């Protein structure tokens, strides 16, 4: 093999290697490229996620307020029940005293 043939063979091999590399790069970018519709879908999903998070936060806030209201209402009801029970206890005690007085007087 002469020097010219060697250079020509090396040049062809390098060109083929370059062409294969370029083609492989093109294939990789072709299959990994993000389409505009994909970007639009991601934007839409992002917006929906943001709205869902806001709705969740509002629901949590509402539930916390409602829980506080119900706890307060329960405390008031328990206090009223205790007062009613104390009043009933006093009324029974008074009734018993009046009965005892009536029995002693009669």
C-alpha atoms as a PDB file:
ATOM      1  CA  UNK A   1       0.000   0.000   0.000  1.00  0.00           C
ATOM      2  CA  UNK A   2       1.437   3.311  -1.037  1.00  0.00           C
ATOM      3  CA  UNK A   3       1.377   6.475   0.931  1.00  0.00           C
ATOM      4  CA  UNK A   4      -1.421   8.007  -1.178  1.00  0.00           C
ATOM      5  CA  UNK A   5      -3.615   4.926  -0.825  1.00  0.00           C
ATOM      6  CA  UNK A   6      -3.034   4.927   2.952  1.00  0.00           C
ATOM      7  CA  UNK A   7      -4.028   8.620   3.208  1.00  0.00           C
ATOM      8  CA  UNK A   8      -7.065   8.088   1.010  1.00  0.00           C
ATOM      9  CA  UNK A   9      -8.177   5.000   2.993  1.00  0.00           C
ATOM     10  CA  UNK A  10      -7.681   6.854   6.294  1.00  0.00           C
ATOM     11  CA  UNK A  11      -9.651   9.844   4.979  1.00  0.00           C
ATOM     12  CA  UNK A  12     -12.534   7.591   3.881  1.00  0.00           C
ATOM     13  CA  UNK A  13     -12.568   5.798   7.238  1.00  0.00           C
ATOM     14  CA  UNK A  14     -12.568   9.127   9.104  1.00  0.00           C
ATOM     15  CA  UNK A  15     -15.349  10.483   6.872  1.00  0.00           C
ATOM     16  CA  UNK A  16     -17.470   7.353   7.443  1.00  0.00           C
ATOM     17  CA  UNK A  17     -16.856   7.616  11.199  1.00  0.00           C
ATOM     18  CA  UNK A  18     -17.834  11.298  11.101  1.00  0.00           C
ATOM     19  CA  UNK A  19     -20.988  10.516   9.102  1.00  0.00           C
ATOM     20  CA  UNK A  20     -21.979   7.722  11.498  1.00  0.00           C
ATOM     21  CA  UNK A  21     -21.384   9.990  14.491  1.00  0.00           C
ATOM     22  CA  UNK A  22     -23.416  12.785  12.946  1.00  0.00           C
ATOM     23  CA  UNK A  23     -26.249  10.366  12.113  1.00  0.00           C
ATOM     24  CA  UNK A  24     -26.213   8.917  15.648  1.00  0.00           C
ATOM     25  CA  UNK A  25     -26.327  12.441  17.094  1.00  0.00           C
ATOM     26  CA  UNK A  26     -29.229  13.336  14.800  1.00  0.00           C
ATOM     27  CA  UNK A  27     -31.117  10.187  15.883  1.00  0.00           C
ATOM     28  CA  UNK A  28     -30.575  10.904  19.570  1.00  0.00           C
ATOM     29  CA  UNK A  29     -31.819  14.484  19.209  1.00  0.00           C
ATOM     30  CA  UNK A  30     -34.722  13.389  17.042  1.00  0.00           C
ATOM     31  CA  UNK A  31     -36.044  10.971  19.650  1.00  0.00           C
ATOM     32  CA  UNK A  32     -35.276  13.079  22.727  1.00  0.00           C
ATOM     33  CA  UNK A  33     -36.555  16.372  21.358  1.00  0.00           C
ATOM     34  CA  UNK A  34     -39.394  17.933  23.328  1.00  0.00           C
ATOM     35  CA  UNK A  35     -42.395  18.768  21.189  1.00  0.00           C
ATOM     36  CA  UNK A  36     -44.364  21.995  21.574  1.00  0.00           C
ATOM     37  CA  UNK A  37     -47.497  20.012  22.393  1.00  0.00           C
ATOM     38  CA  UNK A  38     -45.612  18.293  25.239  1.00  0.00           C
ATOM     39  CA  UNK A  39     -44.572  21.667  26.619  1.00  0.00           C
ATOM     40  CA  UNK A  40     -48.183  22.884  26.383  1.00  0.00           C
ATOM     41  CA  UNK A  41     -49.381  19.764  28.195  1.00  0.00           C
ATOM     42  CA  UNK A  42     -46.805  20.298  30.926  1.00  0.00           C
ATOM     43  CA  UNK A  43     -47.888  23.928  31.309  1.00  0.00           C
ATOM     44  CA  UNK A  44     -51.537  22.888  31.532  1.00  0.00           C
ATOM     45  CA  UNK A  45     -50.782  20.166  34.085  1.00  0.00           C
ATOM     46  CA  UNK A  46     -48.695  22.614  36.084  1.00  0.00           C
ATOM     47  CA  UNK A  47     -51.559  25.115  36.155  1.00  0.00           C
ATOM     48  CA  UNK A  48     -54.043  22.408  37.171  1.00  0.00           C
ATOM     49  CA  UNK A  49     -51.704  21.227  39.923  1.00  0.00           C
ATOM     50  CA  UNK A  50     -51.351  24.790  41.181  1.00  0.00           C
ATOM     51  CA  UNK A  51     -55.147  25.210  41.230  1.00  0.00           C
ATOM     52  CA  UNK A  52     -55.563  21.876  43.000  1.00  0.00           C
ATOM     53  CA  UNK A  53     -53.031  22.911  45.654  1.00  0.00           C
ATOM     54  CA  UNK A  54     -54.871  26.203  46.182  1.00  0.00           C
ATOM     55  CA  UNK A  55     -58.168  24.344  46.521  1.00  0.00           C
ATOM     56  CA  UNK A  56     -56.588  21.936  48.997  1.00  0.00           C
ATOM     57  CA  UNK A  57     -55.198  24.835  51.050  1.00  0.00           C
ATOM     58  CA  UNK A  58     -58.608  26.516  51.074  1.00  0.00           C
ATOM     59  CA  UNK A  59     -60.252  23.254  52.151  1.00  0.00           C
ATOM     60  CA  UNK A  60     -57.712  22.801  54.956  1.00  0.00           C
ATOM     61  CA  UNK A  61     -58.305  26.366  56.147  1.00  0.00           C
ATOM     62  CA  UNK A  62     -62.081  25.870  56.050  1.00  0.00           C
ATOM     63  CA  UNK A  63     -61.828  22.598  57.968  1.00  0.00           C
ATOM     64  CA  UNK A  64     -59.596  24.178  60.604  1.00  0.00           C
ATOM     65  CA  UNK A  65     -62.052  27.049  61.062  1.00  0.00           C
ATOM     66  CA  UNK A  66     -65.001  24.660  61.197  1.00  0.00           C
ATOM     67  CA  UNK A  67     -63.195  22.469  63.722  1.00  0.00           C
ATOM     68  CA  UNK A  68     -62.501  25.521  65.909  1.00  0.00           C
ATOM     69  CA  UNK A  69     -66.175  26.553  65.686  1.00  0.00           C
ATOM     70  CA  UNK A  70     -67.387  23.068  66.567  1.00  0.00           C
ATOM     71  CA  UNK A  71     -64.921  22.782  69.442  1.00  0.00           C
ATOM     72  CA  UNK A  72     -66.117  26.115  70.789  1.00  0.00           C
ATOM     73  CA  UNK A  73     -69.751  25.065  70.377  1.00  0.00           C
ATOM     74  CA  UNK A  74     -69.037  21.769  72.135  1.00  0.00           C
ATOM     75  CA  UNK A  75     -67.373  23.587  75.030  1.00  0.00           C
ATOM     76  CA  UNK A  76     -70.361  25.904  75.358  1.00  0.00           C
ATOM     77  CA  UNK A  77     -72.791  22.988  75.223  1.00  0.00           C
ATOM     78  CA  UNK A  78     -70.813  21.106  77.878  1.00  0.00           C
ATOM     79  CA  UNK A  79     -70.807  24.206  80.097  1.00  0.00           C
ATOM     80  CA  UNK A  80     -74.572  24.578  79.645  1.00  0.00           C
ATOM     81  CA  UNK A  81     -75.039  20.895  80.437  1.00  0.00           C
ATOM     82  CA  UNK A  82     -72.964  21.208  83.606  1.00  0.00           C
ATOM     83  CA  UNK A  83     -75.015  24.257  84.650  1.00  0.00           C
ATOM     84  CA  UNK A  84     -78.280  22.412  83.949  1.00  0.00           C
ATOM     85  CA  UNK A  85     -77.081  19.370  85.869  1.00  0.00           C
ATOM     86  CA  UNK A  86     -76.045  21.556  88.818  1.00  0.00           C
ATOM     87  CA  UNK A  87     -79.439  23.276  88.733  1.00  0.00           C
ATOM     88  CA  UNK A  88     -81.211  19.925  88.598  1.00  0.00           C
ATOM     89  CA  UNK A  89     -79.115  18.645  91.487  1.00  0.00           C
ATOM     90  CA  UNK A  90     -80.010  21.720  93.540  1.00  0.00           C
ATOM     91  CA  UNK A  91     -83.697  21.380  92.639  1.00  0.00           C
ATOM     92  CA  UNK A  92     -83.691  17.715  93.717  1.00  0.00           C
ATOM     93  CA  UNK A  93     -81.930  18.613  96.935  1.00  0.00           C
ATOM     94  CA  UNK A  94     -84.472  21.393  97.576  1.00  0.00           C
ATOM     95  CA  UNK A  95     -87.327  19.049  96.782  1.00  0.00           C
ATOM     96  CA  UNK A  96     -85.948  16.478  99.195  1.00  0.00           C
ATOM     97  CA  UNK A  97     -85.614  19.121 101.900  1.00  0.00           C
ATOM     98  CA  UNK A  98     -89.204  20.300 101.344  1.00  0.00           C
ATOM     99  CA  UNK A  99     -90.476  16.702 101.504  1.00  0.00           C
ATOM    100  CA  UNK A 100     -88.592  16.155 104.735  1.00  0.00           C
ATOM    101  CA  UNK A 101     -90.066  19.375 106.145  1.00  0.00           C
ATOM    102  CA  UNK A 102     -93.579  18.352 105.106  1.00  0.00           C
ATOM    103  CA  UNK A 103     -93.182  14.904 106.659  1.00  0.00           C
ATOM    104  CA  UNK A 104     -91.854  16.414 109.866  1.00  0.00           C
ATOM    105  CA  UNK A 105     -94.664  18.960 110.009  1.00  0.00           C
ATOM    106  CA  UNK A 106     -97.450  16.532 109.143  1.00  0.00           C
END
